[in-house]
Structures are given as structure tokens and as C-alpha cells.
Amino acid sequence: MRSSQLLKGVLDIAVMAALSRRELYGLELLERLRGEGLTPLGDPSVYGVLRRLEQDGLVTARLEPSASGPARKYYSITPKGRADLDAADAEWSRLARVVNRLLEMRNEREQR
């Protein structure tokens, strides 16, 4: 399975988790996610997620002038987004336990 397919399923969670610590502008968010190891991540993927999360009321955005070029769009998580992230965190933990257990069973069988 390609990592890009797995990433699509969890990108919303990753974006909201990054924004839960502090407000970030788009490029800063992208660099943060890549810095955490999400290297196959493309600009269109992140900006598409941000646009959808904003439409769903999970993040807000504001423009701020920049001395070094065009205005920057800063994103922050909303209370609704924090609640959604809390639920996603619990579900992610549950799914990770299940998948890890299945992989461990597979590895045990292969060692026999």
C-alpha cells in the first residue's frame, strides 16, 4: 500500500493536530507537517484540506499583511474543530491498536 493513500485518510487529523498548538499560515503548516515526516505531502493536498475544514467550521482563517510579499492566510482551529480532533484522536488510537494487533499476529505466523 502506498503511503500517500494512508496519508489521505489521516491528513485532516494531522492538520488539525498541528493547528491545535498555535495558529499557522499555510506554508508554515505545510513545512511543519513535512518536518514531522509527512514528506510525500503536496501543497494542493494541504490547501484542499484547509479549505474543506474551513467550510465545515473546523478551522478559521484570517489574512494578515506580510512585509516580505503578499498577505498570509493564518489558520486556527475552532472549538468545533477541537471537539472533532478529540473524537478523531480516540478513533485513531483504537484503529492503530487493531492494525498493530493484526500485524503482530501476521509476524508471529511468519516466524513459525
PDB file of N, CA and C in Angstrom:
ATOM      1  N   MET A   1       0.850  -1.182   0.000  1.00  0.00           N
ATOM      2  CA  MET A   1       0.000   0.000   0.000  1.00  0.00           C
ATOM      3  C   MET A   1       0.894   1.242   0.000  1.00  0.00           C
ATOM      4  N   ARG A   2       0.515   2.188  -0.758  1.00  0.00           N
ATOM      5  CA  ARG A   2       1.309   3.408  -0.865  1.00  0.00           C
ATOM      6  C   ARG A   2       1.048   4.323   0.312  1.00  0.00           C
ATOM      7  N   SER A   3       2.108   4.968   0.788  1.00  0.00           N
ATOM      8  CA  SER A   3       1.968   5.858   1.938  1.00  0.00           C
ATOM      9  C   SER A   3       1.049   7.032   1.623  1.00  0.00           C
ATOM     10  N   SER A   4       0.988   7.449   0.358  1.00  0.00           N
ATOM     11  CA  SER A   4       0.119   8.572   0.008  1.00  0.00           C
ATOM     12  C   SER A   4      -1.352   8.221   0.225  1.00  0.00           C
ATOM     13  N   GLN A   5      -1.724   6.950   0.027  1.00  0.00           N
ATOM     14  CA  GLN A   5      -3.104   6.532   0.269  1.00  0.00           C
ATOM     15  C   GLN A   5      -3.419   6.558   1.757  1.00  0.00           C
ATOM     16  N   LEU A   6      -2.487   6.099   2.567  1.00  0.00           N
ATOM     17  CA  LEU A   6      -2.686   6.147   4.017  1.00  0.00           C
ATOM     18  C   LEU A   6      -2.772   7.593   4.496  1.00  0.00           C
ATOM     19  N   LEU A   7      -1.925   8.430   3.937  1.00  0.00           N
ATOM     20  CA  LEU A   7      -1.884   9.834   4.339  1.00  0.00           C
ATOM     21  C   LEU A   7      -3.207  10.536   4.073  1.00  0.00           C
ATOM     22  N   LYS A   8      -3.838  10.238   2.943  1.00  0.00           N
ATOM     23  CA  LYS A   8      -5.119  10.870   2.620  1.00  0.00           C
ATOM     24  C   LYS A   8      -6.143  10.628   3.715  1.00  0.00           C
ATOM     25  N   GLY A   9      -6.103   9.446   4.308  1.00  0.00           N
ATOM     26  CA  GLY A   9      -7.071   9.102   5.335  1.00  0.00           C
ATOM     27  C   GLY A   9      -6.869   9.810   6.660  1.00  0.00           C
ATOM     28  N   VAL A  10      -5.658  10.303   6.902  1.00  0.00           N
ATOM     29  CA  VAL A  10      -5.377  10.920   8.198  1.00  0.00           C
ATOM     30  C   VAL A  10      -4.931  12.376   8.098  1.00  0.00           C
ATOM     31  N   LEU A  11      -4.937  12.934   6.908  1.00  0.00           N
ATOM     32  CA  LEU A  11      -4.438  14.296   6.735  1.00  0.00           C
ATOM     33  C   LEU A  11      -5.257  15.320   7.515  1.00  0.00           C
ATOM     34  N   ASP A  12      -6.578  15.148   7.564  1.00  0.00           N
ATOM     35  CA  ASP A  12      -7.404  16.076   8.350  1.00  0.00           C
ATOM     36  C   ASP A  12      -6.940  16.106   9.803  1.00  0.00           C
ATOM     37  N   ILE A  13      -6.707  14.915  10.359  1.00  0.00           N
ATOM     38  CA  ILE A  13      -6.277  14.808  11.753  1.00  0.00           C
ATOM     39  C   ILE A  13      -4.923  15.490  11.936  1.00  0.00           C
ATOM     40  N   ALA A  14      -3.991  15.231  11.021  1.00  0.00           N
ATOM     41  CA  ALA A  14      -2.657  15.809  11.123  1.00  0.00           C
ATOM     42  C   ALA A  14      -2.707  17.336  11.056  1.00  0.00           C
ATOM     43  N   VAL A  15      -3.515  17.868  10.153  1.00  0.00           N
ATOM     44  CA  VAL A  15      -3.632  19.321  10.008  1.00  0.00           C
ATOM     45  C   VAL A  15      -4.232  19.931  11.274  1.00  0.00           C
ATOM     46  N   MET A  16      -5.317  19.352  11.764  1.00  0.00           N
ATOM     47  CA  MET A  16      -5.946  19.917  12.966  1.00  0.00           C
ATOM     48  C   MET A  16      -5.047  19.765  14.194  1.00  0.00           C
ATOM     49  N   ALA A  17      -4.304  18.657  14.279  1.00  0.00           N
ATOM     50  CA  ALA A  17      -3.380  18.477  15.402  1.00  0.00           C
ATOM     51  C   ALA A  17      -2.291  19.543  15.375  1.00  0.00           C
ATOM     52  N   ALA A  18      -1.761  19.828  14.190  1.00  0.00           N
ATOM     53  CA  ALA A  18      -0.734  20.871  14.069  1.00  0.00           C
ATOM     54  C   ALA A  18      -1.295  22.238  14.449  1.00  0.00           C
ATOM     55  N   LEU A  19      -2.527  22.503  14.060  1.00  0.00           N
ATOM     56  CA  LEU A  19      -3.146  23.797  14.372  1.00  0.00           C
ATOM     57  C   LEU A  19      -3.606  23.888  15.823  1.00  0.00           C
ATOM     58  N   SER A  20      -3.698  22.759  16.509  1.00  0.00           N
ATOM     59  CA  SER A  20      -4.183  22.787  17.890  1.00  0.00           C
ATOM     60  C   SER A  20      -3.170  23.426  18.835  1.00  0.00           C
ATOM     61  N   ARG A  21      -1.920  23.494  18.424  1.00  0.00           N
ATOM     62  CA  ARG A  21      -0.889  24.095  19.272  1.00  0.00           C
ATOM     63  C   ARG A  21      -0.828  25.605  19.105  1.00  0.00           C
ATOM     64  N   ARG A  22      -0.981  26.060  17.849  1.00  0.00           N
ATOM     65  CA  ARG A  22      -0.970  27.508  17.590  1.00  0.00           C
ATOM     66  C   ARG A  22      -1.419  27.784  16.161  1.00  0.00           C
ATOM     67  N   GLU A  23      -1.775  29.019  15.935  1.00  0.00           N
ATOM     68  CA  GLU A  23      -2.174  29.481  14.608  1.00  0.00           C
ATOM     69  C   GLU A  23      -0.967  29.401  13.673  1.00  0.00           C
ATOM     70  N   LEU A  24      -1.198  28.966  12.427  1.00  0.00           N
ATOM     71  CA  LEU A  24      -0.128  28.853  11.436  1.00  0.00           C
ATOM     72  C   LEU A  24      -0.628  29.368  10.092  1.00  0.00           C
ATOM     73  N   TYR A  25       0.268  29.924   9.294  1.00  0.00           N
ATOM     74  CA  TYR A  25      -0.119  30.262   7.927  1.00  0.00           C
ATOM     75  C   TYR A  25       0.161  29.053   7.043  1.00  0.00           C
ATOM     76  N   GLY A  26      -0.419  29.031   5.857  1.00  0.00           N
ATOM     77  CA  GLY A  26      -0.416  27.846   5.011  1.00  0.00           C
ATOM     78  C   GLY A  26       0.939  27.203   4.787  1.00  0.00           C
ATOM     79  N   LEU A  27       1.917  27.970   4.316  1.00  0.00           N
ATOM     80  CA  LEU A  27       3.245  27.418   4.035  1.00  0.00           C
ATOM     81  C   LEU A  27       3.919  26.932   5.319  1.00  0.00           C
ATOM     82  N   GLU A  28       3.718  27.670   6.391  1.00  0.00           N
ATOM     83  CA  GLU A  28       4.281  27.281   7.688  1.00  0.00           C
ATOM     84  C   GLU A  28       3.704  25.934   8.137  1.00  0.00           C
ATOM     85  N   LEU A  29       2.417  25.743   7.927  1.00  0.00           N
ATOM     86  CA  LEU A  29       1.762  24.482   8.265  1.00  0.00           C
ATOM     87  C   LEU A  29       2.328  23.351   7.414  1.00  0.00           C
ATOM     88  N   LEU A  30       2.449  23.579   6.139  1.00  0.00           N
ATOM     89  CA  LEU A  30       2.993  22.574   5.229  1.00  0.00           C
ATOM     90  C   LEU A  30       4.412  22.177   5.647  1.00  0.00           C
ATOM     91  N   GLU A  31       5.244  23.155   5.960  1.00  0.00           N
ATOM     92  CA  GLU A  31       6.616  22.876   6.387  1.00  0.00           C
ATOM     93  C   GLU A  31       6.637  22.118   7.717  1.00  0.00           C
ATOM     94  N   ARG A  32       5.715  22.451   8.601  1.00  0.00           N
ATOM     95  CA  ARG A  32       5.631  21.755   9.898  1.00  0.00           C
ATOM     96  C   ARG A  32       5.285  20.286   9.693  1.00  0.00           C
ATOM     97  N   LEU A  33       4.293  20.015   8.852  1.00  0.00           N
ATOM     98  CA  LEU A  33       3.879  18.637   8.586  1.00  0.00           C
ATOM     99  C   LEU A  33       5.006  17.851   7.915  1.00  0.00           C
ATOM    100  N   ARG A  34       5.658  18.474   6.955  1.00  0.00           N
ATOM    101  CA  ARG A  34       6.793  17.805   6.294  1.00  0.00           C
ATOM    102  C   ARG A  34       7.924  17.562   7.286  1.00  0.00           C
ATOM    103  N   GLY A  35       8.156  18.527   8.160  1.00  0.00           N
ATOM    104  CA  GLY A  35       9.199  18.392   9.169  1.00  0.00           C
ATOM    105  C   GLY A  35       8.927  17.254  10.148  1.00  0.00           C
ATOM    106  N   GLU A  36       7.673  16.920  10.335  1.00  0.00           N
ATOM    107  CA  GLU A  36       7.296  15.812  11.211  1.00  0.00           C
ATOM    108  C   GLU A  36       7.373  14.470  10.495  1.00  0.00           C
ATOM    109  N   GLY A  37       7.695  14.501   9.208  1.00  0.00           N
ATOM    110  CA  GLY A  37       7.884  13.253   8.478  1.00  0.00           C
ATOM    111  C   GLY A  37       6.852  12.959   7.408  1.00  0.00           C
ATOM    112  N   LEU A  38       5.913  13.855   7.189  1.00  0.00           N
ATOM    113  CA  LEU A  38       4.919  13.648   6.133  1.00  0.00           C
ATOM    114  C   LEU A  38       5.477  14.189   4.823  1.00  0.00           C
ATOM    115  N   THR A  39       6.546  13.559   4.359  1.00  0.00           N
ATOM    116  CA  THR A  39       7.287  14.056   3.204  1.00  0.00           C
ATOM    117  C   THR A  39       6.593  13.902   1.866  1.00  0.00           C
ATOM    118  N   PRO A  40       5.677  12.926   1.665  1.00  0.00           N
ATOM    119  CA  PRO A  40       5.047  12.874   0.341  1.00  0.00           C
ATOM    120  C   PRO A  40       3.948  13.924   0.173  1.00  0.00           C
ATOM    121  N   LEU A  41       3.861  14.833   1.115  1.00  0.00           N
ATOM    122  CA  LEU A  41       2.770  15.802   1.162  1.00  0.00           C
ATOM    123  C   LEU A  41       2.958  16.918   0.147  1.00  0.00           C
ATOM    124  N   GLY A  42       1.926  17.157  -0.668  1.00  0.00           N
ATOM    125  CA  GLY A  42       1.964  18.230  -1.650  1.00  0.00           C
ATOM    126  C   GLY A  42       1.138  19.428  -1.221  1.00  0.00           C
ATOM    127  N   ASP A  43       1.489  20.593  -1.743  1.00  0.00           N
ATOM    128  CA  ASP A  43       0.756  21.823  -1.429  1.00  0.00           C
ATOM    129  C   ASP A  43      -0.743  21.692  -1.675  1.00  0.00           C
ATOM    130  N   PRO A  44      -1.156  21.173  -2.855  1.00  0.00           N
ATOM    131  CA  PRO A  44      -2.599  21.103  -3.126  1.00  0.00           C
ATOM    132  C   PRO A  44      -3.354  20.263  -2.096  1.00  0.00           C
ATOM    133  N   SER A  45      -2.723  19.217  -1.591  1.00  0.00           N
ATOM    134  CA  SER A  45      -3.388  18.373  -0.597  1.00  0.00           C
ATOM    135  C   SER A  45      -3.701  19.166   0.664  1.00  0.00           C
ATOM    136  N   VAL A  46      -2.710  19.882   1.173  1.00  0.00           N
ATOM    137  CA  VAL A  46      -2.886  20.634   2.421  1.00  0.00           C
ATOM    138  C   VAL A  46      -3.874  21.778   2.230  1.00  0.00           C
ATOM    139  N   TYR A  47      -3.740  22.524   1.141  1.00  0.00           N
ATOM    140  CA  TYR A  47      -4.651  23.653   0.941  1.00  0.00           C
ATOM    141  C   TYR A  47      -6.072  23.174   0.677  1.00  0.00           C
ATOM    142  N   GLY A  48      -6.228  22.029   0.036  1.00  0.00           N
ATOM    143  CA  GLY A  48      -7.559  21.451  -0.151  1.00  0.00           C
ATOM    144  C   GLY A  48      -8.191  21.066   1.170  1.00  0.00           C
ATOM    145  N   VAL A  49      -7.400  20.460   2.048  1.00  0.00           N
ATOM    146  CA  VAL A  49      -7.900  20.087   3.379  1.00  0.00           C
ATOM    147  C   VAL A  49      -8.261  21.336   4.169  1.00  0.00           C
ATOM    148  N   LEU A  50      -7.411  22.344   4.137  1.00  0.00           N
ATOM    149  CA  LEU A  50      -7.694  23.587   4.862  1.00  0.00           C
ATOM    150  C   LEU A  50      -9.001  24.229   4.382  1.00  0.00           C
ATOM    151  N   ARG A  51      -9.197  24.244   3.082  1.00  0.00           N
ATOM    152  CA  ARG A  51     -10.411  24.832   2.509  1.00  0.00           C
ATOM    153  C   ARG A  51     -11.651  24.066   2.997  1.00  0.00           C
ATOM    154  N   ARG A  52     -11.565  22.739   2.971  1.00  0.00           N
ATOM    155  CA  ARG A  52     -12.697  21.911   3.411  1.00  0.00           C
ATOM    156  C   ARG A  52     -12.952  22.054   4.909  1.00  0.00           C
ATOM    157  N   LEU A  53     -11.881  22.062   5.700  1.00  0.00           N
ATOM    158  CA  LEU A  53     -12.038  22.217   7.147  1.00  0.00           C
ATOM    159  C   LEU A  53     -12.639  23.583   7.486  1.00  0.00           C
ATOM    160  N   GLU A  54     -12.258  24.597   6.725  1.00  0.00           N
ATOM    161  CA  GLU A  54     -12.815  25.932   6.942  1.00  0.00           C
ATOM    162  C   GLU A  54     -14.309  25.944   6.584  1.00  0.00           C
ATOM    163  N   GLN A  55     -14.678  25.329   5.474  1.00  0.00           N
ATOM    164  CA  GLN A  55     -16.092  25.252   5.081  1.00  0.00           C
ATOM    165  C   GLN A  55     -16.927  24.497   6.109  1.00  0.00           C
ATOM    166  N   ASP A  56     -16.307  23.502   6.754  1.00  0.00           N
ATOM    167  CA  ASP A  56     -17.004  22.698   7.758  1.00  0.00           C
ATOM    168  C   ASP A  56     -17.017  23.347   9.140  1.00  0.00           C
ATOM    169  N   GLY A  57     -16.380  24.508   9.261  1.00  0.00           N
ATOM    170  CA  GLY A  57     -16.363  25.217  10.538  1.00  0.00           C
ATOM    171  C   GLY A  57     -15.384  24.645  11.553  1.00  0.00           C
ATOM    172  N   LEU A  58     -14.418  23.851  11.080  1.00  0.00           N
ATOM    173  CA  LEU A  58     -13.454  23.226  11.985  1.00  0.00           C
ATOM    174  C   LEU A  58     -12.195  24.075  12.160  1.00  0.00           C
ATOM    175  N   VAL A  59     -11.915  24.931  11.180  1.00  0.00           N
ATOM    176  CA  VAL A  59     -10.834  25.911  11.292  1.00  0.00           C
ATOM    177  C   VAL A  59     -11.346  27.253  10.785  1.00  0.00           C
ATOM    178  N   THR A  60     -10.699  28.314  11.231  1.00  0.00           N
ATOM    179  CA  THR A  60     -10.987  29.647  10.712  1.00  0.00           C
ATOM    180  C   THR A  60      -9.714  30.175  10.070  1.00  0.00           C
ATOM    181  N   ALA A  61      -9.884  31.170   9.227  1.00  0.00           N
ATOM    182  CA  ALA A  61      -8.741  31.766   8.542  1.00  0.00           C
ATOM    183  C   ALA A  61      -8.864  33.279   8.589  1.00  0.00           C
ATOM    184  N   ARG A  62      -7.704  33.921   8.610  1.00  0.00           N
ATOM    185  CA  ARG A  62      -7.662  35.383   8.549  1.00  0.00           C
ATOM    186  C   ARG A  62      -6.448  35.790   7.735  1.00  0.00           C
ATOM    187  N   LEU A  63      -6.569  36.898   7.017  1.00  0.00           N
ATOM    188  CA  LEU A  63      -5.457  37.421   6.222  1.00  0.00           C
ATOM    189  C   LEU A  63      -4.686  38.433   7.042  1.00  0.00           C
ATOM    190  N   GLU A  64      -3.370  38.378   6.915  1.00  0.00           N
ATOM    191  CA  GLU A  64      -2.519  39.352   7.598  1.00  0.00           C
ATOM    192  C   GLU A  64      -1.457  39.825   6.615  1.00  0.00           C
ATOM    193  N   PRO A  65      -1.289  41.140   6.501  1.00  0.00           N
ATOM    194  CA  PRO A  65      -0.259  41.658   5.590  1.00  0.00           C
ATOM    195  C   PRO A  65       1.120  41.115   5.961  1.00  0.00           C
ATOM    196  N   SER A  66       1.945  40.948   4.942  1.00  0.00           N
ATOM    197  CA  SER A  66       3.305  40.467   5.145  1.00  0.00           C
ATOM    198  C   SER A  66       4.279  41.478   4.565  1.00  0.00           C
ATOM    199  N   ALA A  67       5.328  41.764   5.303  1.00  0.00           N
ATOM    200  CA  ALA A  67       6.339  42.711   4.821  1.00  0.00           C
ATOM    201  C   ALA A  67       7.165  42.113   3.685  1.00  0.00           C
ATOM    202  N   SER A  68       7.163  40.774   3.583  1.00  0.00           N
ATOM    203  CA  SER A  68       8.010  40.130   2.583  1.00  0.00           C
ATOM    204  C   SER A  68       7.252  39.646   1.353  1.00  0.00           C
ATOM    205  N   GLY A  69       6.031  40.128   1.136  1.00  0.00           N
ATOM    206  CA  GLY A  69       5.284  39.696  -0.046  1.00  0.00           C
ATOM    207  C   GLY A  69       3.788  39.818   0.167  1.00  0.00           C
ATOM    208  N   PRO A  70       3.032  38.945  -0.498  1.00  0.00           N
ATOM    209  CA  PRO A  70       1.569  39.019  -0.377  1.00  0.00           C
ATOM    210  C   PRO A  70       1.099  38.673   1.044  1.00  0.00           C
ATOM    211  N   ALA A  71      -0.122  39.053   1.330  1.00  0.00           N
ATOM    212  CA  ALA A  71      -0.701  38.765   2.647  1.00  0.00           C
ATOM    213  C   ALA A  71      -0.693  37.261   2.899  1.00  0.00           C
ATOM    214  N   ARG A  72      -0.545  36.910   4.159  1.00  0.00           N
ATOM    215  CA  ARG A  72      -0.539  35.496   4.549  1.00  0.00           C
ATOM    216  C   ARG A  72      -1.888  35.146   5.162  1.00  0.00           C
ATOM    217  N   LYS A  73      -2.348  33.937   4.851  1.00  0.00           N
ATOM    218  CA  LYS A  73      -3.603  33.449   5.411  1.00  0.00           C
ATOM    219  C   LYS A  73      -3.263  32.560   6.601  1.00  0.00           C
ATOM    220  N   TYR A  74      -3.662  33.011   7.785  1.00  0.00           N
ATOM    221  CA  TYR A  74      -3.403  32.267   9.017  1.00  0.00           C
ATOM    222  C   TYR A  74      -4.627  31.432   9.372  1.00  0.00           C
ATOM    223  N   TYR A  75      -4.361  30.197   9.790  1.00  0.00           N
ATOM    224  CA  TYR A  75      -5.427  29.257  10.142  1.00  0.00           C
ATOM    225  C   TYR A  75      -5.338  28.910  11.616  1.00  0.00           C
ATOM    226  N   SER A  76      -6.515  28.768  12.235  1.00  0.00           N
ATOM    227  CA  SER A  76      -6.571  28.312  13.621  1.00  0.00           C
ATOM    228  C   SER A  76      -7.759  27.370  13.776  1.00  0.00           C
ATOM    229  N   ILE A  77      -7.647  26.488  14.740  1.00  0.00           N
ATOM    230  CA  ILE A  77      -8.696  25.502  14.975  1.00  0.00           C
ATOM    231  C   ILE A  77      -9.815  26.143  15.803  1.00  0.00           C
ATOM    232  N   THR A  78     -11.039  25.787  15.517  1.00  0.00           N
ATOM    233  CA  THR A  78     -12.205  26.310  16.240  1.00  0.00           C
ATOM    234  C   THR A  78     -12.560  25.355  17.385  1.00  0.00           C
ATOM    235  N   PRO A  79     -13.434  25.787  18.294  1.00  0.00           N
ATOM    236  CA  PRO A  79     -13.904  24.859  19.332  1.00  0.00           C
ATOM    237  C   PRO A  79     -14.540  23.599  18.727  1.00  0.00           C
ATOM    238  N   LYS A  80     -15.303  23.766  17.661  1.00  0.00           N
ATOM    239  CA  LYS A  80     -15.880  22.608  16.974  1.00  0.00           C
ATOM    240  C   LYS A  80     -14.770  21.713  16.420  1.00  0.00           C
ATOM    241  N   GLY A  81     -13.712  22.322  15.901  1.00  0.00           N
ATOM    242  CA  GLY A  81     -12.584  21.571  15.385  1.00  0.00           C
ATOM    243  C   GLY A  81     -11.854  20.811  16.489  1.00  0.00           C
ATOM    244  N   ARG A  82     -11.723  21.429  17.665  1.00  0.00           N
ATOM    245  CA  ARG A  82     -11.088  20.747  18.799  1.00  0.00           C
ATOM    246  C   ARG A  82     -11.898  19.532  19.226  1.00  0.00           C
ATOM    247  N   ALA A  83     -13.215  19.671  19.243  1.00  0.00           N
ATOM    248  CA  ALA A  83     -14.074  18.535  19.598  1.00  0.00           C
ATOM    249  C   ALA A  83     -13.938  17.424  18.560  1.00  0.00           C
ATOM    250  N   ASP A  84     -13.898  17.817  17.298  1.00  0.00           N
ATOM    251  CA  ASP A  84     -13.730  16.836  16.223  1.00  0.00           C
ATOM    252  C   ASP A  84     -12.367  16.148  16.327  1.00  0.00           C
ATOM    253  N   LEU A  85     -11.345  16.921  16.652  1.00  0.00           N
ATOM    254  CA  LEU A  85      -9.998  16.368  16.803  1.00  0.00           C
ATOM    255  C   LEU A  85      -9.946  15.397  17.982  1.00  0.00           C
ATOM    256  N   ASP A  86     -10.609  15.726  19.078  1.00  0.00           N
ATOM    257  CA  ASP A  86     -10.650  14.818  20.229  1.00  0.00           C
ATOM    258  C   ASP A  86     -11.271  13.481  19.835  1.00  0.00           C
ATOM    259  N   ALA A  87     -12.371  13.531  19.091  1.00  0.00           N
ATOM    260  CA  ALA A  87     -13.038  12.300  18.643  1.00  0.00           C
ATOM    261  C   ALA A  87     -12.150  11.531  17.671  1.00  0.00           C
ATOM    262  N   ALA A  88     -11.493  12.248  16.772  1.00  0.00           N
ATOM    263  CA  ALA A  88     -10.603  11.604  15.801  1.00  0.00           C
ATOM    264  C   ALA A  88      -9.407  10.970  16.504  1.00  0.00           C
ATOM    265  N   ASP A  89      -8.908  11.619  17.532  1.00  0.00           N
ATOM    266  CA  ASP A  89      -7.784  11.100  18.308  1.00  0.00           C
ATOM    267  C   ASP A  89      -8.162   9.751  18.926  1.00  0.00           C
ATOM    268  N   ALA A  90      -9.336   9.684  19.526  1.00  0.00           N
ATOM    269  CA  ALA A  90      -9.788   8.434  20.140  1.00  0.00           C
ATOM    270  C   ALA A  90      -9.969   7.342  19.092  1.00  0.00           C
ATOM    271  N   GLU A  91     -10.560   7.687  17.960  1.00  0.00           N
ATOM    272  CA  GLU A  91     -10.771   6.701  16.903  1.00  0.00           C
ATOM    273  C   GLU A  91      -9.445   6.251  16.300  1.00  0.00           C
ATOM    274  N   TRP A  92      -8.522   7.184  16.100  1.00  0.00           N
ATOM    275  CA  TRP A  92      -7.202   6.839  15.566  1.00  0.00           C
ATOM    276  C   TRP A  92      -6.486   5.871  16.508  1.00  0.00           C
ATOM    277  N   SER A  93      -6.540   6.143  17.793  1.00  0.00           N
ATOM    278  CA  SER A  93      -5.899   5.258  18.778  1.00  0.00           C
ATOM    279  C   SER A  93      -6.491   3.854  18.714  1.00  0.00           C
ATOM    280  N   ARG A  94      -7.803   3.775  18.601  1.00  0.00           N
ATOM    281  CA  ARG A  94      -8.481   2.476  18.525  1.00  0.00           C
ATOM    282  C   ARG A  94      -8.055   1.727  17.254  1.00  0.00           C
ATOM    283  N   LEU A  95      -8.090   2.425  16.116  1.00  0.00           N
ATOM    284  CA  LEU A  95      -7.714   1.791  14.853  1.00  0.00           C
ATOM    285  C   LEU A  95      -6.243   1.353  14.850  1.00  0.00           C
ATOM    286  N   ALA A  96      -5.384   2.183  15.401  1.00  0.00           N
ATOM    287  CA  ALA A  96      -3.960   1.842  15.449  1.00  0.00           C
ATOM    288  C   ALA A  96      -3.740   0.581  16.278  1.00  0.00           C
ATOM    289  N   ARG A  97      -4.448   0.446  17.404  1.00  0.00           N
ATOM    290  CA  ARG A  97      -4.326  -0.770  18.222  1.00  0.00           C
ATOM    291  C   ARG A  97      -4.756  -2.006  17.431  1.00  0.00           C
ATOM    292  N   VAL A  98      -5.872  -1.888  16.716  1.00  0.00           N
ATOM    293  CA  VAL A  98      -6.381  -3.025  15.935  1.00  0.00           C
ATOM    294  C   VAL A  98      -5.385  -3.414  14.844  1.00  0.00           C
ATOM    295  N   VAL A  99      -4.918  -2.449  14.080  1.00  0.00           N
ATOM    296  CA  VAL A  99      -3.985  -2.737  12.984  1.00  0.00           C
ATOM    297  C   VAL A  99      -2.671  -3.290  13.539  1.00  0.00           C
ATOM    298  N   ASN A 100      -2.171  -2.711  14.609  1.00  0.00           N
ATOM    299  CA  ASN A 100      -0.934  -3.224  15.215  1.00  0.00           C
ATOM    300  C   ASN A 100      -1.103  -4.664  15.687  1.00  0.00           C
ATOM    301  N   ARG A 101      -2.245  -4.968  16.277  1.00  0.00           N
ATOM    302  CA  ARG A 101      -2.507  -6.333  16.736  1.00  0.00           C
ATOM    303  C   ARG A 101      -2.523  -7.298  15.540  1.00  0.00           C
ATOM    304  N   LEU A 102      -3.176  -6.907  14.465  1.00  0.00           N
ATOM    305  CA  LEU A 102      -3.217  -7.749  13.269  1.00  0.00           C
ATOM    306  C   LEU A 102      -1.837  -7.951  12.662  1.00  0.00           C
ATOM    307  N   LEU A 103      -1.043  -6.912  12.634  1.00  0.00           N
ATOM    308  CA  LEU A 103       0.316  -7.032  12.100  1.00  0.00           C
ATOM    309  C   LEU A 103       1.181  -7.917  12.994  1.00  0.00           C
ATOM    310  N   GLU A 104       1.005  -7.802  14.295  1.00  0.00           N
ATOM    311  CA  GLU A 104       1.750  -8.666  15.216  1.00  0.00           C
ATOM    312  C   GLU A 104       1.370 -10.124  15.001  1.00  0.00           C
ATOM    313  N   MET A 105       0.081 -10.399  14.796  1.00  0.00           N
ATOM    314  CA  MET A 105      -0.367 -11.768  14.543  1.00  0.00           C
ATOM    315  C   MET A 105       0.266 -12.287  13.255  1.00  0.00           C
ATOM    316  N   ARG A 106       0.327 -11.453  12.244  1.00  0.00           N
ATOM    317  CA  ARG A 106       0.944 -11.839  10.977  1.00  0.00           C
ATOM    318  C   ARG A 106       2.415 -12.166  11.181  1.00  0.00           C
ATOM    319  N   ASN A 107       3.108 -11.331  11.925  1.00  0.00           N
ATOM    320  CA  ASN A 107       4.532 -11.552  12.171  1.00  0.00           C
ATOM    321  C   ASN A 107       4.769 -12.829  12.968  1.00  0.00           C
ATOM    322  N   GLU A 108       3.899 -13.124  13.928  1.00  0.00           N
ATOM    323  CA  GLU A 108       4.022 -14.353  14.714  1.00  0.00           C
ATOM    324  C   GLU A 108       3.858 -15.585  13.815  1.00  0.00           C
ATOM    325  N   ARG A 109       2.907 -15.533  12.915  1.00  0.00           N
ATOM    326  CA  ARG A 109       2.678 -16.653  11.995  1.00  0.00           C
ATOM    327  C   ARG A 109       3.858 -16.869  11.061  1.00  0.00           C
ATOM    328  N   GLU A 110       4.449 -15.775  10.601  1.00  0.00           N
ATOM    329  CA  GLU A 110       5.583 -15.880   9.682  1.00  0.00           C
ATOM    330  C   GLU A 110       6.830 -16.436  10.376  1.00  0.00           C
ATOM    331  N   GLN A 111       6.932 -16.250  11.676  1.00  0.00           N
ATOM    332  CA  GLN A 111       8.100 -16.742  12.413  1.00  0.00           C
ATOM    333  C   GLN A 111       8.010 -18.232  12.687  1.00  0.00           C
ATOM    334  N   ARG A 112       6.837 -18.825  12.537  1.00  0.00           N
ATOM    335  CA  ARG A 112       6.663 -20.264  12.788  1.00  0.00           C
ATOM    336  C   ARG A 112       7.199 -21.089  11.659  1.00  0.00           C
TER     337      ARG A 112
END
